[in-house]
Amino acid sequence: MPRLVIYTMGLLVSTVVMTISNVNSIPFVISSGLLIGFAIPLLDAIIANHRHLRIAWYGLRTWRHRVRVSVSYLYRIRVDNEYLLVKGNRFEQYQPVGGVYKYHPSSAETRNALRLLDDDLLVPDDVSEGDLRVRVPGRKLVAFVRWFENGSGRETDGWREFYEETIATEILPGDHFRHIKYDHLERIYQPLRFSPWADSRKSSGGCIMRLGGTR
């Protein structure tokens, strides 16, 4: 991201110098060369940081508000072209195995620096304690995403939910699934949107963005 800012500034300065310089002058020739030199890495930086640029745009839109963020992972378990779904605990529906990531006590300093607040839509209980379902200040969105992607101070694997939803419930035999192997498919950042379920008047901004991985 810092490189993106530097390339953008260099591109703007070069463009301004070219605009006010004579076509046959040395400043014009130098600035045109710099323009091309900055344009190529700028394009590369935009492609490399496109995900964070979108998050940064969301942060600007909600700068003075809070965004409700739910960070979760899901397993895609397919057997003979059929998918394994389990019954949800909170809602009457069948869904893929998985759930919300948990943060660790070691992340307390980071969470305080990011000014995170617990989710205010679900009644806190033993199951939801430590969930990365939080309210993030809009101006801290990019920093929150970078912290999540760093992986420090939080769960980094999906064993807990797999165990709770398939082994502990005896859907799958525990002696056959003491260890599991899975491939990471993709990480999806859903678009920032208004959530009627969250209700903007009760969620400090009324926006919901789901961040997390799909497995």
N, C-alpha and C. Protein backbone atom coordinates (compact mmCIF):
# COMPACT_ATOMS: atom_id res chain seq x y z
N MET A 1 0.81 -1.22 0.00
CA MET A 1 0.00 0.00 0.00
C MET A 1 0.85 1.28 0.00
N PRO A 2 1.95 1.38 0.81
CA PRO A 2 2.79 2.58 0.74
C PRO A 2 3.38 2.79 -0.64
N ARG A 3 3.77 1.69 -1.31
CA ARG A 3 4.31 1.82 -2.66
C ARG A 3 3.27 2.40 -3.61
N LEU A 4 2.03 1.99 -3.41
CA LEU A 4 0.94 2.51 -4.25
C LEU A 4 0.84 4.01 -4.12
N VAL A 5 0.96 4.52 -2.90
CA VAL A 5 0.89 5.97 -2.67
C VAL A 5 2.07 6.67 -3.33
N ILE A 6 3.27 6.10 -3.19
CA ILE A 6 4.46 6.71 -3.78
C ILE A 6 4.36 6.75 -5.30
N TYR A 7 3.94 5.65 -5.91
CA TYR A 7 3.80 5.61 -7.37
C TYR A 7 2.75 6.61 -7.85
N THR A 8 1.66 6.72 -7.10
CA THR A 8 0.60 7.66 -7.49
C THR A 8 1.10 9.10 -7.42
N MET A 9 1.81 9.44 -6.36
CA MET A 9 2.35 10.79 -6.22
C MET A 9 3.36 11.08 -7.34
N GLY A 10 4.22 10.10 -7.64
CA GLY A 10 5.18 10.29 -8.72
C GLY A 10 4.51 10.49 -10.05
N LEU A 11 3.45 9.74 -10.29
CA LEU A 11 2.69 9.87 -11.54
C LEU A 11 2.05 11.25 -11.64
N LEU A 12 1.47 11.73 -10.55
CA LEU A 12 0.82 13.04 -10.55
C LEU A 12 1.82 14.17 -10.77
N VAL A 13 2.96 14.09 -10.07
CA VAL A 13 3.98 15.13 -10.21
C VAL A 13 4.51 15.15 -11.64
N SER A 14 4.79 13.99 -12.20
CA SER A 14 5.29 13.91 -13.57
C SER A 14 4.29 14.49 -14.56
N THR A 15 3.01 14.20 -14.33
CA THR A 15 1.96 14.71 -15.21
C THR A 15 1.88 16.23 -15.15
N VAL A 16 1.98 16.80 -13.95
CA VAL A 16 1.93 18.25 -13.78
C VAL A 16 3.11 18.91 -14.47
N VAL A 17 4.32 18.35 -14.29
CA VAL A 17 5.52 18.92 -14.92
C VAL A 17 5.40 18.87 -16.44
N MET A 18 4.90 17.77 -16.97
CA MET A 18 4.71 17.66 -18.42
C MET A 18 3.73 18.71 -18.93
N THR A 19 2.69 18.95 -18.15
CA THR A 19 1.64 19.89 -18.57
C THR A 19 2.16 21.32 -18.67
N ILE A 20 3.03 21.71 -17.75
CA ILE A 20 3.51 23.10 -17.72
C ILE A 20 4.83 23.29 -18.46
N SER A 21 5.40 22.22 -19.01
CA SER A 21 6.69 22.32 -19.68
C SER A 21 6.53 22.38 -21.20
N ASN A 22 7.51 22.94 -21.84
CA ASN A 22 7.54 22.98 -23.30
C ASN A 22 7.85 21.59 -23.83
N VAL A 23 7.22 21.24 -24.95
CA VAL A 23 7.37 19.90 -25.49
C VAL A 23 8.82 19.55 -25.80
N ASN A 24 9.59 20.54 -26.22
CA ASN A 24 10.98 20.29 -26.61
C ASN A 24 11.98 20.53 -25.48
N SER A 25 11.48 20.78 -24.27
CA SER A 25 12.37 21.09 -23.16
C SER A 25 12.85 19.83 -22.45
N ILE A 26 13.95 19.97 -21.73
CA ILE A 26 14.50 18.84 -20.98
C ILE A 26 13.54 18.40 -19.87
N PRO A 27 12.91 19.33 -19.11
CA PRO A 27 11.95 18.89 -18.08
C PRO A 27 10.83 18.03 -18.64
N PHE A 28 10.37 18.36 -19.86
CA PHE A 28 9.30 17.58 -20.47
C PHE A 28 9.77 16.16 -20.77
N VAL A 29 10.97 16.06 -21.32
CA VAL A 29 11.52 14.74 -21.66
C VAL A 29 11.71 13.89 -20.40
N ILE A 30 12.27 14.51 -19.35
CA ILE A 30 12.50 13.77 -18.10
C ILE A 30 11.19 13.34 -17.46
N SER A 31 10.25 14.28 -17.38
CA SER A 31 8.96 13.97 -16.74
C SER A 31 8.18 12.92 -17.51
N SER A 32 8.29 12.93 -18.86
CA SER A 32 7.58 11.92 -19.65
C SER A 32 8.16 10.53 -19.38
N GLY A 33 9.50 10.49 -19.24
CA GLY A 33 10.13 9.21 -18.91
C GLY A 33 9.72 8.72 -17.53
N LEU A 34 9.68 9.66 -16.57
CA LEU A 34 9.25 9.29 -15.22
C LEU A 34 7.79 8.86 -15.20
N LEU A 35 6.97 9.51 -16.05
CA LEU A 35 5.55 9.16 -16.13
C LEU A 35 5.39 7.69 -16.51
N ILE A 36 6.12 7.29 -17.54
CA ILE A 36 6.06 5.89 -17.97
C ILE A 36 6.63 4.97 -16.88
N GLY A 37 7.74 5.43 -16.26
CA GLY A 37 8.39 4.64 -15.22
C GLY A 37 7.50 4.41 -14.02
N PHE A 38 6.67 5.42 -13.66
CA PHE A 38 5.77 5.27 -12.52
C PHE A 38 4.48 4.54 -12.90
N ALA A 39 4.06 4.68 -14.15
CA ALA A 39 2.77 4.11 -14.57
C ALA A 39 2.79 2.59 -14.51
N ILE A 40 3.89 1.98 -14.94
CA ILE A 40 3.96 0.51 -14.97
C ILE A 40 3.92 -0.09 -13.57
N PRO A 41 4.80 0.35 -12.63
CA PRO A 41 4.70 -0.22 -11.27
C PRO A 41 3.41 0.16 -10.57
N LEU A 42 2.83 1.33 -10.93
CA LEU A 42 1.55 1.71 -10.33
C LEU A 42 0.47 0.72 -10.73
N LEU A 43 0.43 0.35 -12.00
CA LEU A 43 -0.54 -0.63 -12.46
C LEU A 43 -0.33 -1.96 -11.76
N ASP A 44 0.93 -2.35 -11.60
CA ASP A 44 1.24 -3.60 -10.91
C ASP A 44 0.80 -3.54 -9.45
N ALA A 45 1.03 -2.39 -8.79
CA ALA A 45 0.65 -2.23 -7.39
C ALA A 45 -0.87 -2.25 -7.23
N ILE A 46 -1.59 -1.68 -8.20
CA ILE A 46 -3.06 -1.68 -8.15
C ILE A 46 -3.58 -3.11 -8.24
N ILE A 47 -3.01 -3.89 -9.16
CA ILE A 47 -3.43 -5.28 -9.32
C ILE A 47 -3.13 -6.08 -8.04
N ALA A 48 -1.94 -5.84 -7.47
CA ALA A 48 -1.54 -6.59 -6.27
C ALA A 48 -2.35 -6.20 -5.04
N ASN A 49 -2.84 -4.95 -5.01
CA ASN A 49 -3.55 -4.46 -3.81
C ASN A 49 -5.02 -4.18 -4.07
N HIS A 50 -5.59 -4.78 -5.13
CA HIS A 50 -6.96 -4.46 -5.47
C HIS A 50 -7.93 -4.77 -4.33
N ARG A 51 -7.65 -5.84 -3.59
CA ARG A 51 -8.52 -6.22 -2.47
C ARG A 51 -8.49 -5.15 -1.39
N HIS A 52 -7.29 -4.68 -1.04
CA HIS A 52 -7.18 -3.67 0.00
C HIS A 52 -7.70 -2.31 -0.47
N LEU A 53 -7.61 -2.05 -1.77
CA LEU A 53 -8.15 -0.79 -2.29
C LEU A 53 -9.66 -0.75 -2.11
N ARG A 54 -10.31 -1.88 -2.34
CA ARG A 54 -11.76 -1.93 -2.15
C ARG A 54 -12.11 -1.74 -0.69
N ILE A 55 -11.34 -2.40 0.20
CA ILE A 55 -11.57 -2.23 1.63
C ILE A 55 -11.33 -0.78 2.04
N ALA A 56 -10.29 -0.15 1.46
CA ALA A 56 -9.99 1.25 1.77
C ALA A 56 -11.15 2.15 1.35
N TRP A 57 -11.77 1.83 0.22
CA TRP A 57 -12.93 2.61 -0.24
C TRP A 57 -14.10 2.45 0.73
N TYR A 58 -14.30 1.23 1.21
CA TYR A 58 -15.35 1.02 2.21
C TYR A 58 -15.03 1.82 3.48
N GLY A 59 -13.75 1.86 3.84
CA GLY A 59 -13.35 2.60 5.03
C GLY A 59 -13.63 4.09 4.91
N LEU A 60 -13.40 4.64 3.72
CA LEU A 60 -13.68 6.06 3.49
C LEU A 60 -15.18 6.34 3.57
N ARG A 61 -15.96 5.42 3.05
CA ARG A 61 -17.41 5.61 3.05
C ARG A 61 -18.00 5.56 4.46
N THR A 62 -17.35 4.83 5.33
CA THR A 62 -17.87 4.65 6.70
C THR A 62 -16.90 5.22 7.73
N TRP A 63 -16.15 6.22 7.35
CA TRP A 63 -15.06 6.75 8.19
C TRP A 63 -15.51 7.09 9.60
N ARG A 64 -16.68 7.69 9.74
CA ARG A 64 -17.17 8.13 11.05
C ARG A 64 -18.14 7.13 11.69
N HIS A 65 -18.28 5.98 11.09
CA HIS A 65 -19.22 4.98 11.61
C HIS A 65 -18.49 3.67 11.91
N ARG A 66 -19.24 2.69 12.33
CA ARG A 66 -18.68 1.36 12.57
C ARG A 66 -19.30 0.38 11.58
N VAL A 67 -18.49 -0.58 11.17
CA VAL A 67 -18.93 -1.61 10.24
C VAL A 67 -18.98 -2.94 10.99
N ARG A 68 -20.08 -3.64 10.85
CA ARG A 68 -20.19 -4.96 11.48
C ARG A 68 -19.49 -5.96 10.59
N VAL A 69 -18.50 -6.62 11.14
CA VAL A 69 -17.68 -7.57 10.38
C VAL A 69 -17.81 -8.97 10.97
N SER A 70 -18.12 -9.94 10.14
CA SER A 70 -18.21 -11.32 10.56
C SER A 70 -17.17 -12.12 9.77
N VAL A 71 -16.19 -12.66 10.47
CA VAL A 71 -15.07 -13.35 9.81
C VAL A 71 -15.20 -14.85 10.05
N SER A 72 -15.50 -15.60 9.01
CA SER A 72 -15.80 -17.01 9.19
C SER A 72 -15.14 -17.87 8.12
N TYR A 73 -15.21 -19.16 8.33
CA TYR A 73 -14.69 -20.11 7.35
C TYR A 73 -15.72 -21.23 7.16
N LEU A 74 -15.73 -21.79 5.97
CA LEU A 74 -16.66 -22.86 5.64
C LEU A 74 -15.91 -24.00 4.96
N TYR A 75 -16.38 -25.22 5.22
CA TYR A 75 -15.83 -26.38 4.53
C TYR A 75 -16.77 -26.78 3.39
N ARG A 76 -16.19 -27.09 2.26
CA ARG A 76 -16.96 -27.68 1.17
C ARG A 76 -16.64 -29.17 1.16
N ILE A 77 -17.56 -29.96 1.68
CA ILE A 77 -17.36 -31.41 1.80
C ILE A 77 -18.29 -32.10 0.82
N ARG A 78 -17.71 -32.68 -0.21
CA ARG A 78 -18.51 -33.30 -1.27
C ARG A 78 -18.20 -34.79 -1.36
N VAL A 79 -19.26 -35.58 -1.38
CA VAL A 79 -19.13 -37.03 -1.52
C VAL A 79 -20.12 -37.48 -2.59
N ASP A 80 -19.58 -38.05 -3.68
CA ASP A 80 -20.44 -38.53 -4.77
C ASP A 80 -21.40 -37.44 -5.26
N ASN A 81 -20.84 -36.24 -5.46
CA ASN A 81 -21.61 -35.10 -5.98
C ASN A 81 -22.71 -34.61 -5.05
N GLU A 82 -22.61 -34.99 -3.79
CA GLU A 82 -23.52 -34.47 -2.78
C GLU A 82 -22.69 -33.77 -1.71
N TYR A 83 -23.27 -32.72 -1.12
CA TYR A 83 -22.54 -31.91 -0.16
C TYR A 83 -23.06 -32.15 1.26
N LEU A 84 -22.13 -32.20 2.19
CA LEU A 84 -22.50 -32.39 3.59
C LEU A 84 -22.94 -31.06 4.20
N LEU A 85 -24.15 -31.03 4.74
CA LEU A 85 -24.67 -29.88 5.45
C LEU A 85 -25.05 -30.30 6.86
N VAL A 86 -24.91 -29.40 7.81
CA VAL A 86 -25.30 -29.69 9.19
C VAL A 86 -26.32 -28.66 9.64
N LYS A 87 -27.11 -29.04 10.62
CA LYS A 87 -28.15 -28.15 11.12
C LYS A 87 -27.54 -27.05 11.98
N GLY A 88 -27.90 -25.80 11.72
CA GLY A 88 -27.37 -24.68 12.47
C GLY A 88 -27.86 -24.66 13.91
N ASN A 89 -27.04 -24.10 14.80
CA ASN A 89 -27.42 -24.01 16.20
C ASN A 89 -28.31 -22.81 16.50
N ARG A 90 -28.08 -21.72 15.78
CA ARG A 90 -28.82 -20.48 16.07
C ARG A 90 -30.05 -20.32 15.19
N PHE A 91 -30.01 -20.83 13.97
CA PHE A 91 -31.11 -20.64 13.04
C PHE A 91 -31.56 -21.99 12.50
N GLU A 92 -32.84 -22.09 12.18
CA GLU A 92 -33.41 -23.32 11.65
C GLU A 92 -33.04 -23.44 10.17
N GLN A 93 -31.83 -23.91 9.92
CA GLN A 93 -31.38 -24.09 8.55
C GLN A 93 -30.23 -25.09 8.52
N TYR A 94 -30.00 -25.65 7.34
CA TYR A 94 -28.87 -26.53 7.14
C TYR A 94 -27.80 -25.75 6.39
N GLN A 95 -26.55 -25.93 6.79
CA GLN A 95 -25.47 -25.10 6.28
C GLN A 95 -24.18 -25.90 6.24
N PRO A 96 -23.17 -25.42 5.50
CA PRO A 96 -21.88 -26.11 5.47
C PRO A 96 -21.23 -26.11 6.85
N VAL A 97 -20.37 -27.08 7.08
CA VAL A 97 -19.60 -27.12 8.32
C VAL A 97 -18.68 -25.91 8.37
N GLY A 98 -18.61 -25.28 9.53
CA GLY A 98 -17.76 -24.11 9.67
C GLY A 98 -18.38 -23.10 10.62
N GLY A 99 -17.71 -21.99 10.79
CA GLY A 99 -18.22 -20.96 11.68
C GLY A 99 -17.26 -19.80 11.79
N VAL A 100 -17.51 -18.98 12.78
CA VAL A 100 -16.74 -17.75 12.96
C VAL A 100 -15.39 -18.06 13.62
N TYR A 101 -14.34 -17.41 13.13
CA TYR A 101 -13.03 -17.53 13.75
C TYR A 101 -13.07 -16.98 15.18
N LYS A 102 -12.20 -17.48 16.03
CA LYS A 102 -12.03 -16.97 17.39
C LYS A 102 -10.73 -16.18 17.48
N TYR A 103 -10.76 -15.12 18.26
CA TYR A 103 -9.50 -14.41 18.54
C TYR A 103 -8.93 -14.93 19.85
N HIS A 104 -7.62 -14.77 20.02
CA HIS A 104 -6.93 -15.24 21.22
C HIS A 104 -6.73 -14.09 22.21
N PRO A 105 -6.58 -14.40 23.49
CA PRO A 105 -6.31 -13.35 24.48
C PRO A 105 -5.05 -12.53 24.14
N SER A 106 -4.11 -13.14 23.44
CA SER A 106 -2.87 -12.44 23.09
C SER A 106 -3.11 -11.27 22.14
N SER A 107 -4.30 -11.20 21.54
CA SER A 107 -4.60 -10.11 20.60
C SER A 107 -5.22 -8.90 21.28
N ALA A 108 -5.28 -8.90 22.60
CA ALA A 108 -5.96 -7.82 23.32
C ALA A 108 -5.41 -6.45 22.96
N GLU A 109 -4.09 -6.32 22.92
CA GLU A 109 -3.49 -5.02 22.61
C GLU A 109 -3.86 -4.57 21.20
N THR A 110 -3.82 -5.49 20.25
CA THR A 110 -4.19 -5.16 18.88
C THR A 110 -5.65 -4.79 18.77
N ARG A 111 -6.52 -5.54 19.44
CA ARG A 111 -7.94 -5.25 19.39
C ARG A 111 -8.25 -3.90 20.01
N ASN A 112 -7.53 -3.54 21.06
CA ASN A 112 -7.72 -2.22 21.67
C ASN A 112 -7.25 -1.12 20.72
N ALA A 113 -6.12 -1.36 20.03
CA ALA A 113 -5.61 -0.37 19.09
C ALA A 113 -6.57 -0.17 17.91
N LEU A 114 -7.24 -1.24 17.52
CA LEU A 114 -8.20 -1.16 16.42
C LEU A 114 -9.57 -0.67 16.89
N ARG A 115 -9.73 -0.53 18.21
CA ARG A 115 -10.97 -0.05 18.82
C ARG A 115 -12.16 -0.93 18.43
N LEU A 116 -11.95 -2.24 18.51
CA LEU A 116 -13.01 -3.19 18.17
C LEU A 116 -14.03 -3.27 19.30
N LEU A 117 -15.29 -3.40 18.92
CA LEU A 117 -16.37 -3.62 19.87
C LEU A 117 -17.03 -4.95 19.55
N ASP A 118 -17.49 -5.64 20.57
CA ASP A 118 -18.18 -6.91 20.36
C ASP A 118 -19.47 -6.68 19.58
N ASP A 119 -19.90 -7.71 18.90
CA ASP A 119 -21.16 -7.66 18.17
C ASP A 119 -22.30 -7.43 19.16
N ASP A 120 -23.23 -6.55 18.80
CA ASP A 120 -24.35 -6.25 19.71
C ASP A 120 -25.67 -6.82 19.23
N LEU A 121 -25.62 -7.75 18.26
CA LEU A 121 -26.86 -8.31 17.71
C LEU A 121 -27.20 -9.67 18.31
N LEU A 122 -26.20 -10.37 18.81
CA LEU A 122 -26.44 -11.69 19.40
C LEU A 122 -26.15 -11.63 20.89
N VAL A 123 -26.96 -12.31 21.66
CA VAL A 123 -26.76 -12.35 23.11
C VAL A 123 -25.48 -13.13 23.40
N PRO A 124 -24.51 -12.53 24.11
CA PRO A 124 -23.25 -13.22 24.41
C PRO A 124 -23.50 -14.51 25.21
N ASP A 125 -22.80 -15.56 24.83
CA ASP A 125 -22.87 -16.82 25.57
C ASP A 125 -21.53 -17.53 25.46
N ASP A 126 -21.45 -18.75 26.02
CA ASP A 126 -20.19 -19.49 26.00
C ASP A 126 -19.77 -19.85 24.58
N VAL A 127 -20.74 -20.04 23.70
CA VAL A 127 -20.43 -20.43 22.31
C VAL A 127 -19.86 -19.25 21.53
N SER A 128 -20.41 -18.07 21.72
CA SER A 128 -19.99 -16.90 20.93
C SER A 128 -18.81 -16.15 21.54
N GLU A 129 -18.37 -16.52 22.74
CA GLU A 129 -17.26 -15.81 23.37
C GLU A 129 -16.00 -15.89 22.51
N GLY A 130 -15.40 -14.74 22.26
CA GLY A 130 -14.17 -14.70 21.47
C GLY A 130 -14.39 -14.72 19.98
N ASP A 131 -15.63 -14.62 19.53
CA ASP A 131 -15.91 -14.63 18.09
C ASP A 131 -15.35 -13.39 17.41
N LEU A 132 -14.83 -13.60 16.20
CA LEU A 132 -14.43 -12.45 15.38
C LEU A 132 -15.65 -11.97 14.60
N ARG A 133 -16.67 -11.66 15.33
CA ARG A 133 -17.87 -11.01 14.83
C ARG A 133 -17.94 -9.70 15.59
N VAL A 134 -17.40 -8.66 15.02
CA VAL A 134 -17.13 -7.43 15.76
C VAL A 134 -17.58 -6.20 14.98
N ARG A 135 -17.57 -5.06 15.66
CA ARG A 135 -17.85 -3.77 15.03
C ARG A 135 -16.54 -2.99 14.94
N VAL A 136 -16.17 -2.64 13.72
CA VAL A 136 -14.89 -2.01 13.44
C VAL A 136 -15.11 -0.56 12.98
N PRO A 137 -14.37 0.40 13.52
CA PRO A 137 -14.46 1.77 12.98
C PRO A 137 -14.08 1.77 11.51
N GLY A 138 -14.83 2.48 10.70
CA GLY A 138 -14.55 2.50 9.27
C GLY A 138 -13.12 2.86 8.94
N ARG A 139 -12.56 3.81 9.68
CA ARG A 139 -11.19 4.24 9.41
C ARG A 139 -10.16 3.19 9.77
N LYS A 140 -10.59 2.11 10.46
CA LYS A 140 -9.67 1.04 10.87
C LYS A 140 -9.87 -0.23 10.04
N LEU A 141 -10.70 -0.17 9.02
CA LEU A 141 -11.03 -1.38 8.27
C LEU A 141 -9.80 -2.02 7.62
N VAL A 142 -9.00 -1.22 6.93
CA VAL A 142 -7.82 -1.77 6.26
C VAL A 142 -6.86 -2.38 7.28
N ALA A 143 -6.66 -1.69 8.39
CA ALA A 143 -5.77 -2.21 9.43
C ALA A 143 -6.32 -3.51 10.00
N PHE A 144 -7.64 -3.61 10.15
CA PHE A 144 -8.25 -4.84 10.65
C PHE A 144 -8.01 -6.00 9.68
N VAL A 145 -8.22 -5.74 8.39
CA VAL A 145 -8.03 -6.79 7.38
C VAL A 145 -6.58 -7.23 7.35
N ARG A 146 -5.65 -6.29 7.44
CA ARG A 146 -4.23 -6.65 7.44
C ARG A 146 -3.88 -7.51 8.67
N TRP A 147 -4.47 -7.16 9.80
CA TRP A 147 -4.22 -7.96 11.01
C TRP A 147 -4.77 -9.37 10.84
N PHE A 148 -5.99 -9.48 10.29
CA PHE A 148 -6.59 -10.79 10.08
C PHE A 148 -5.74 -11.63 9.13
N GLU A 149 -5.29 -11.03 8.04
CA GLU A 149 -4.51 -11.77 7.05
C GLU A 149 -3.15 -12.17 7.61
N ASN A 150 -2.64 -11.40 8.57
CA ASN A 150 -1.36 -11.74 9.21
C ASN A 150 -1.47 -13.04 10.01
N GLY A 151 -2.67 -13.30 10.57
CA GLY A 151 -2.92 -14.55 11.28
C GLY A 151 -2.48 -14.58 12.73
N SER A 152 -1.94 -13.49 13.23
CA SER A 152 -1.48 -13.48 14.63
C SER A 152 -2.64 -13.18 15.57
N GLY A 153 -2.64 -13.85 16.72
CA GLY A 153 -3.65 -13.57 17.74
C GLY A 153 -5.03 -14.09 17.43
N ARG A 154 -5.13 -15.09 16.55
CA ARG A 154 -6.44 -15.65 16.21
C ARG A 154 -6.28 -17.09 15.76
N GLU A 155 -7.42 -17.78 15.63
CA GLU A 155 -7.40 -19.12 15.06
C GLU A 155 -6.88 -19.07 13.63
N THR A 156 -6.11 -20.07 13.27
CA THR A 156 -5.62 -20.12 11.90
C THR A 156 -6.01 -21.42 11.19
N ASP A 157 -6.75 -22.27 11.85
CA ASP A 157 -7.22 -23.49 11.20
C ASP A 157 -8.69 -23.71 11.56
N GLY A 158 -9.31 -24.70 10.89
CA GLY A 158 -10.73 -24.92 11.09
C GLY A 158 -11.09 -26.16 11.87
N TRP A 159 -10.14 -26.69 12.65
CA TRP A 159 -10.41 -27.95 13.35
C TRP A 159 -11.52 -27.81 14.38
N ARG A 160 -11.58 -26.71 15.13
CA ARG A 160 -12.54 -26.58 16.23
C ARG A 160 -13.97 -26.76 15.73
N GLU A 161 -14.34 -26.01 14.70
CA GLU A 161 -15.72 -26.10 14.20
C GLU A 161 -15.98 -27.48 13.58
N PHE A 162 -14.99 -28.03 12.90
CA PHE A 162 -15.17 -29.36 12.31
C PHE A 162 -15.46 -30.37 13.42
N TYR A 163 -14.69 -30.29 14.51
CA TYR A 163 -14.90 -31.22 15.63
C TYR A 163 -16.27 -31.01 16.26
N GLU A 164 -16.61 -29.77 16.55
CA GLU A 164 -17.87 -29.49 17.25
C GLU A 164 -19.09 -29.89 16.43
N GLU A 165 -19.02 -29.74 15.11
CA GLU A 165 -20.21 -29.94 14.28
C GLU A 165 -20.31 -31.32 13.66
N THR A 166 -19.21 -32.07 13.65
CA THR A 166 -19.28 -33.40 13.03
C THR A 166 -18.83 -34.53 13.94
N ILE A 167 -17.81 -34.31 14.76
CA ILE A 167 -17.30 -35.37 15.64
C ILE A 167 -18.08 -35.40 16.95
N ALA A 168 -18.19 -34.24 17.62
CA ALA A 168 -18.90 -34.19 18.89
C ALA A 168 -20.38 -34.56 18.74
N THR A 169 -20.96 -34.29 17.58
CA THR A 169 -22.36 -34.63 17.32
C THR A 169 -22.53 -36.04 16.78
N GLU A 170 -21.40 -36.75 16.60
CA GLU A 170 -21.37 -38.14 16.12
C GLU A 170 -21.91 -38.30 14.71
N ILE A 171 -21.87 -37.22 13.94
CA ILE A 171 -22.21 -37.34 12.52
C ILE A 171 -21.12 -38.14 11.81
N LEU A 172 -19.88 -37.91 12.21
CA LEU A 172 -18.74 -38.66 11.68
C LEU A 172 -18.04 -39.38 12.83
N PRO A 173 -17.48 -40.54 12.59
CA PRO A 173 -16.80 -41.30 13.65
C PRO A 173 -15.46 -40.65 14.02
N GLY A 174 -15.28 -40.37 15.28
CA GLY A 174 -14.08 -39.69 15.73
C GLY A 174 -12.81 -40.48 15.51
N ASP A 175 -12.89 -41.82 15.57
CA ASP A 175 -11.68 -42.62 15.40
C ASP A 175 -11.15 -42.60 13.98
N HIS A 176 -12.01 -42.21 13.02
CA HIS A 176 -11.58 -42.11 11.63
C HIS A 176 -11.17 -40.69 11.26
N PHE A 177 -11.48 -39.72 12.11
CA PHE A 177 -11.20 -38.32 11.79
C PHE A 177 -10.43 -37.64 12.93
N ARG A 178 -9.40 -38.32 13.41
CA ARG A 178 -8.57 -37.69 14.42
C ARG A 178 -7.72 -36.57 13.83
N HIS A 179 -7.43 -36.69 12.56
CA HIS A 179 -6.70 -35.67 11.83
C HIS A 179 -7.40 -35.46 10.49
N ILE A 180 -7.42 -34.25 10.03
CA ILE A 180 -8.06 -33.97 8.74
C ILE A 180 -7.10 -33.17 7.86
N LYS A 181 -7.25 -33.35 6.57
CA LYS A 181 -6.49 -32.58 5.59
C LYS A 181 -7.47 -31.84 4.70
N TYR A 182 -7.19 -30.60 4.44
CA TYR A 182 -8.08 -29.83 3.58
C TYR A 182 -7.26 -28.82 2.79
N ASP A 183 -7.80 -28.42 1.67
CA ASP A 183 -7.17 -27.43 0.80
C ASP A 183 -7.89 -26.10 0.91
N HIS A 184 -7.12 -25.03 0.94
CA HIS A 184 -7.72 -23.70 0.93
C HIS A 184 -8.14 -23.37 -0.50
N LEU A 185 -9.41 -23.03 -0.68
CA LEU A 185 -9.93 -22.74 -2.02
C LEU A 185 -9.84 -21.27 -2.37
N GLU A 186 -10.39 -20.43 -1.53
CA GLU A 186 -10.35 -18.99 -1.80
C GLU A 186 -10.76 -18.21 -0.56
N ARG A 187 -10.44 -16.94 -0.57
CA ARG A 187 -10.87 -16.03 0.48
C ARG A 187 -11.79 -15.00 -0.15
N ILE A 188 -12.97 -14.86 0.40
CA ILE A 188 -14.00 -13.99 -0.19
C ILE A 188 -14.26 -12.80 0.72
N TYR A 189 -14.21 -11.61 0.15
CA TYR A 189 -14.60 -10.40 0.85
C TYR A 189 -15.90 -9.92 0.22
N GLN A 190 -16.98 -10.18 0.90
CA GLN A 190 -18.27 -9.79 0.34
C GLN A 190 -18.40 -8.27 0.33
N PRO A 191 -19.13 -7.73 -0.65
CA PRO A 191 -19.28 -6.28 -0.74
C PRO A 191 -19.94 -5.69 0.51
N LEU A 192 -19.53 -4.49 0.82
CA LEU A 192 -20.16 -3.76 1.93
C LEU A 192 -21.61 -3.47 1.56
N ARG A 193 -22.52 -3.76 2.46
CA ARG A 193 -23.93 -3.55 2.15
C ARG A 193 -24.72 -3.27 3.41
N PHE A 194 -25.87 -2.67 3.21
CA PHE A 194 -26.79 -2.44 4.32
C PHE A 194 -27.47 -3.76 4.67
N SER A 195 -27.60 -4.02 5.95
CA SER A 195 -28.24 -5.26 6.40
C SER A 195 -29.55 -4.95 7.11
N PRO A 196 -30.68 -5.30 6.51
CA PRO A 196 -31.96 -5.10 7.21
C PRO A 196 -32.00 -5.86 8.53
N TRP A 197 -31.36 -7.04 8.56
CA TRP A 197 -31.37 -7.83 9.79
C TRP A 197 -30.59 -7.12 10.89
N ALA A 198 -29.48 -6.46 10.53
CA ALA A 198 -28.67 -5.76 11.53
C ALA A 198 -29.35 -4.48 11.99
N ASP A 199 -30.08 -3.81 11.08
CA ASP A 199 -30.79 -2.58 11.39
C ASP A 199 -29.80 -1.45 11.72
N SER A 200 -29.70 -0.49 10.81
CA SER A 200 -28.69 0.57 10.95
C SER A 200 -28.85 1.36 12.23
N ARG A 201 -30.05 1.51 12.74
CA ARG A 201 -30.24 2.31 13.95
C ARG A 201 -29.70 1.64 15.20
N LYS A 202 -29.36 0.36 15.09
CA LYS A 202 -28.88 -0.36 16.26
C LYS A 202 -27.46 -0.89 16.10
N SER A 203 -26.86 -0.63 14.93
CA SER A 203 -25.54 -1.22 14.70
C SER A 203 -24.48 -0.20 14.34
N SER A 204 -24.63 1.01 14.81
CA SER A 204 -23.60 2.05 14.65
C SER A 204 -23.14 2.20 13.21
N GLY A 205 -24.06 2.41 12.32
CA GLY A 205 -23.69 2.58 10.92
C GLY A 205 -24.50 1.68 10.01
N GLY A 206 -24.94 0.57 10.54
CA GLY A 206 -25.85 -0.27 9.78
C GLY A 206 -25.27 -0.98 8.59
N CYS A 207 -23.98 -1.20 8.54
CA CYS A 207 -23.39 -1.91 7.41
C CYS A 207 -22.85 -3.24 7.88
N ILE A 208 -22.86 -4.18 6.98
CA ILE A 208 -22.32 -5.49 7.33
C ILE A 208 -21.40 -5.94 6.20
N MET A 209 -20.24 -6.41 6.56
CA MET A 209 -19.29 -6.94 5.58
C MET A 209 -18.76 -8.24 6.13
N ARG A 210 -18.87 -9.30 5.38
CA ARG A 210 -18.38 -10.58 5.84
C ARG A 210 -17.00 -10.81 5.22
N LEU A 211 -16.05 -11.06 6.07
CA LEU A 211 -14.68 -11.32 5.63
C LEU A 211 -14.30 -12.72 6.06
N GLY A 212 -13.57 -13.42 5.24
CA GLY A 212 -13.12 -14.72 5.68
C GLY A 212 -12.76 -15.67 4.57
N GLY A 213 -12.53 -16.90 4.92
CA GLY A 213 -12.07 -17.89 3.95
C GLY A 213 -13.12 -18.94 3.66
N THR A 214 -13.07 -19.50 2.47
CA THR A 214 -13.95 -20.60 2.11
C THR A 214 -13.11 -21.83 1.85
N ARG A 215 -13.43 -22.91 2.52
CA ARG A 215 -12.65 -24.13 2.36
C ARG A 215 -13.58 -25.26 1.94
